[in-house]
Protein backbone atom coordinates (compact mmCIF):
# COMPACT_ATOMS: atom_id res chain seq x y z
CA UNK A 1 21.55 -12.44 -8.53
CA UNK A 2 23.29 -13.40 -11.76
CA UNK A 3 23.68 -10.62 -14.07
CA UNK A 4 21.47 -12.28 -16.44
CA UNK A 5 18.53 -12.98 -14.25
CA UNK A 6 18.99 -9.40 -12.91
CA UNK A 7 18.86 -8.41 -16.61
CA UNK A 8 15.52 -10.07 -16.86
CA UNK A 9 13.82 -8.12 -13.88
CA UNK A 10 15.26 -4.90 -15.28
CA UNK A 11 14.09 -5.60 -18.65
CA UNK A 12 10.52 -6.39 -17.01
CA UNK A 13 10.17 -3.30 -15.29
CA UNK A 14 11.52 -1.10 -18.21
CA UNK A 15 9.11 -2.61 -20.82
CA UNK A 16 6.16 -3.91 -18.84
CA UNK A 17 6.47 -7.34 -20.77
CA UNK A 18 7.98 -10.77 -20.08
CA UNK A 19 9.95 -12.25 -22.77
CA UNK A 20 7.96 -10.13 -25.12
CA UNK A 21 4.69 -11.15 -23.72
CA UNK A 22 1.93 -8.13 -22.93
CA UNK A 23 -0.40 -8.29 -20.06
CA UNK A 24 -3.12 -8.60 -22.69
CA UNK A 25 -1.73 -11.40 -24.47
CA UNK A 26 -4.05 -14.73 -24.73
CA UNK A 27 -3.30 -17.92 -23.11
CA UNK A 28 -2.43 -19.18 -26.37
CA UNK A 29 0.42 -16.77 -27.09
CA UNK A 30 1.76 -17.11 -23.59
CA UNK A 31 1.91 -20.75 -23.71
CA UNK A 32 3.80 -20.61 -27.20
CA UNK A 33 6.38 -18.31 -25.30
CA UNK A 34 6.53 -19.81 -21.76
CA UNK A 35 5.69 -23.50 -22.72
CA UNK A 36 2.81 -26.00 -21.63
CA UNK A 37 4.22 -26.40 -17.94
CA UNK A 38 1.99 -24.47 -15.98
CA UNK A 39 -0.60 -24.68 -13.28
CA UNK A 40 -4.12 -23.43 -14.28
CA UNK A 41 -6.78 -22.05 -11.80
CA UNK A 42 -10.00 -20.86 -12.80
CA UNK A 43 -12.76 -18.79 -10.80
CA UNK A 44 -16.37 -19.15 -11.75
CA UNK A 45 -15.58 -19.36 -15.55
CA UNK A 46 -14.78 -15.90 -15.97
CA UNK A 47 -11.20 -15.35 -14.29
CA UNK A 48 -8.41 -17.67 -14.68
CA UNK A 49 -4.62 -17.65 -14.04
CA UNK A 50 -1.67 -19.62 -15.40
CA UNK A 51 1.28 -20.08 -12.89
CA UNK A 52 4.61 -20.66 -14.73
CA UNK A 53 6.57 -20.65 -11.37
CA UNK A 54 7.91 -17.08 -11.07
CA UNK A 55 5.48 -15.67 -13.58
CA UNK A 56 1.73 -15.66 -13.51
CA UNK A 57 -0.64 -14.44 -16.24
CA UNK A 58 -4.24 -13.70 -15.43
CA UNK A 59 -7.03 -13.86 -17.85
CA UNK A 60 -10.63 -12.84 -17.87
CA UNK A 61 -13.79 -12.98 -19.94
CA UNK A 62 -17.60 -11.72 -19.55
CA UNK A 63 -19.07 -15.27 -20.39
CA UNK A 64 -18.00 -18.48 -20.56
CA UNK A 65 -18.61 -18.73 -24.24
CA UNK A 66 -16.09 -16.06 -24.69
CA UNK A 67 -12.29 -16.22 -25.36
CA UNK A 68 -9.82 -15.26 -22.55
CA UNK A 69 -8.23 -11.98 -22.48
CA UNK A 70 -5.16 -11.11 -20.87
CA UNK A 71 -5.53 -8.99 -17.88
CA UNK A 72 -2.45 -8.39 -16.04
CA UNK A 73 0.81 -10.33 -15.42
CA UNK A 74 2.75 -10.67 -11.88
CA UNK A 75 6.38 -12.00 -11.11
CA UNK A 76 6.06 -13.60 -7.70
CA UNK A 77 9.56 -12.71 -6.84
CA UNK A 78 9.09 -13.93 -3.24
CA UNK A 79 9.10 -17.64 -4.44
CA UNK A 80 12.72 -17.65 -5.37
CA UNK A 81 13.55 -17.70 -1.49
CA UNK A 82 12.18 -21.15 -1.49
CA UNK A 83 15.14 -22.39 -3.35
CA UNK A 84 13.06 -24.58 -5.52
CA UNK A 85 14.62 -25.61 -8.93
CA UNK A 86 11.33 -25.41 -10.31
CA UNK A 87 11.07 -21.85 -9.91
CA UNK A 88 11.55 -19.64 -11.92
CA UNK A 89 10.28 -22.29 -14.71
CA UNK A 90 12.39 -23.99 -17.35
CA UNK A 91 11.90 -21.33 -20.11
CA UNK A 92 13.26 -18.32 -17.78
CA UNK A 93 15.89 -20.62 -16.10
CA UNK A 94 17.12 -21.61 -19.71
CA UNK A 95 17.20 -18.11 -21.08
CA UNK A 96 18.49 -16.41 -17.94
CA UNK A 97 20.52 -18.94 -15.78
CA UNK A 98 20.36 -19.35 -12.06
CA UNK A 99 17.97 -16.92 -10.30
CA UNK A 100 19.14 -16.22 -6.73
CA UNK A 101 16.92 -16.22 -3.75
CA UNK A 102 16.66 -12.53 -3.21
CA UNK A 103 16.24 -9.42 -5.50
CA UNK A 104 17.36 -6.41 -3.71
CA UNK A 105 14.97 -3.30 -4.41
CA UNK A 106 17.90 -0.63 -4.10
CA UNK A 107 20.01 -2.54 -6.58
CA UNK A 108 17.21 -2.94 -9.11
CA UNK A 109 16.16 0.62 -8.66
CA UNK A 110 19.77 2.00 -9.40
CA UNK A 111 20.20 -0.22 -12.50
CA UNK A 112 16.75 1.17 -13.97
CA UNK A 113 17.86 4.79 -13.02
CA UNK A 114 21.06 4.27 -14.90
CA UNK A 115 18.96 3.35 -17.81
CA UNK A 116 16.52 6.35 -17.59
CA UNK A 117 13.90 4.26 -16.08
CA UNK A 118 12.72 6.11 -12.99
CA UNK A 119 10.41 4.62 -10.17
CA UNK A 120 7.82 6.69 -8.34
CA UNK A 121 6.63 5.70 -4.94
CA UNK A 122 2.94 5.29 -4.72
CA UNK A 123 0.66 4.57 -1.53
CA UNK A 124 0.56 1.28 -0.13
CA UNK A 125 -2.74 -0.58 0.48
CA UNK A 126 -3.48 -0.05 4.08
CA UNK A 127 -3.35 -3.67 4.70
CA UNK A 128 0.10 -4.05 3.44
CA UNK A 129 1.66 -0.89 5.33
CA UNK A 130 4.16 -0.58 7.08
CA UNK A 131 5.48 -3.94 5.79
CA UNK A 132 5.50 -3.31 2.08
CA UNK A 133 6.22 -0.44 -0.10
CA UNK A 134 5.15 0.02 -3.75
CA UNK A 135 7.21 2.02 -6.48
CA UNK A 136 5.58 2.49 -10.05
CA UNK A 137 7.07 3.15 -13.59
CA UNK A 138 4.67 5.06 -15.30
CA UNK A 139 5.92 4.49 -18.98
CA UNK A 140 5.81 0.58 -18.50
CA UNK A 141 2.97 0.69 -16.19
CA UNK A 142 4.59 -1.81 -13.91
CA UNK A 143 5.01 -1.75 -10.00
CA UNK A 144 7.31 -3.36 -7.56
CA UNK A 145 6.53 -3.84 -4.21
CA UNK A 146 9.31 -4.85 -1.73
CA UNK A 147 9.45 -5.48 1.97
CA UNK A 148 9.97 -2.35 3.77
CA UNK A 149 10.20 -4.10 7.22
CA UNK A 150 10.06 -7.55 8.57
CA UNK A 151 6.45 -8.83 10.20
CA UNK A 152 6.28 -12.19 11.89
CA UNK A 153 2.89 -13.01 10.04
CA UNK A 154 2.92 -10.24 7.57
CA UNK A 155 6.13 -11.05 5.37
CA UNK A 156 7.61 -14.34 3.96
CA UNK A 157 10.29 -15.94 6.39
CA UNK A 158 12.72 -16.23 3.39
CA UNK A 159 12.87 -12.35 2.84
CA UNK A 160 14.65 -9.45 4.48
CA UNK A 161 13.64 -5.74 4.42
CA UNK A 162 14.60 -4.44 1.08
CA UNK A 163 13.97 -7.57 -0.88
CA UNK A 164 11.56 -7.39 -3.88
CA UNK A 165 8.37 -9.35 -3.07
CA UNK A 166 6.91 -8.93 -6.63
CA UNK A 167 6.30 -7.24 -9.95
CA UNK A 168 3.01 -6.66 -11.65
CA UNK A 169 1.81 -5.00 -14.88
CA UNK A 170 -0.16 -2.95 -15.64
CA UNK A 171 -0.63 -0.62 -13.07
CA UNK A 172 -2.25 2.21 -14.70
CA UNK A 173 -2.29 5.88 -13.83
CA UNK A 174 -6.13 5.43 -12.77
CA UNK A 175 -4.86 2.38 -10.56
CA UNK A 176 -2.31 4.91 -8.94
CA UNK A 177 -5.01 7.78 -8.35
CA UNK A 178 -7.29 5.07 -6.72
CA UNK A 179 -4.68 3.95 -4.22
CA UNK A 180 -3.70 7.86 -3.70
CA UNK A 181 -7.45 8.66 -3.06
CA UNK A 182 -7.65 5.71 -0.41
CA UNK A 183 -4.39 6.65 1.34
């Protein structure tokens, strides 16, 4: 991973933002920062997400007449293994340079700990265990999921055990309590 792209991932986990964008930001604000090149998917007029390659921003609204409100974002880190130049997206590539196909969880964790940003393991969803593990950063409300062990039909072919699958924010203390109660 290039130093600059690794710095991007460290910054996202440490701050819970993507280039300063918060999970609650509007579609307009996100487009202002990440640009107009995205794929948009809507579901029943009340949920939408915009896919910028590596980053996805999700929005919701109660009624079709309401404005979209930011709900969460996710970094689909596993997509980097496709080696598709369109991923991570033009804005991120211009700002951070080349992104290599894999992000190693332990390297990310070590860099975060050196900066005083600890990660705490949280219970994995039953459907993802034992193939994935998830760690949470309580201050930034960010979660990092990585491949714990390979599974022929459970994990992407381009990833190895120890590779980050995705990063998501926000993951609240209530979300963690709910996961813990289900475990």
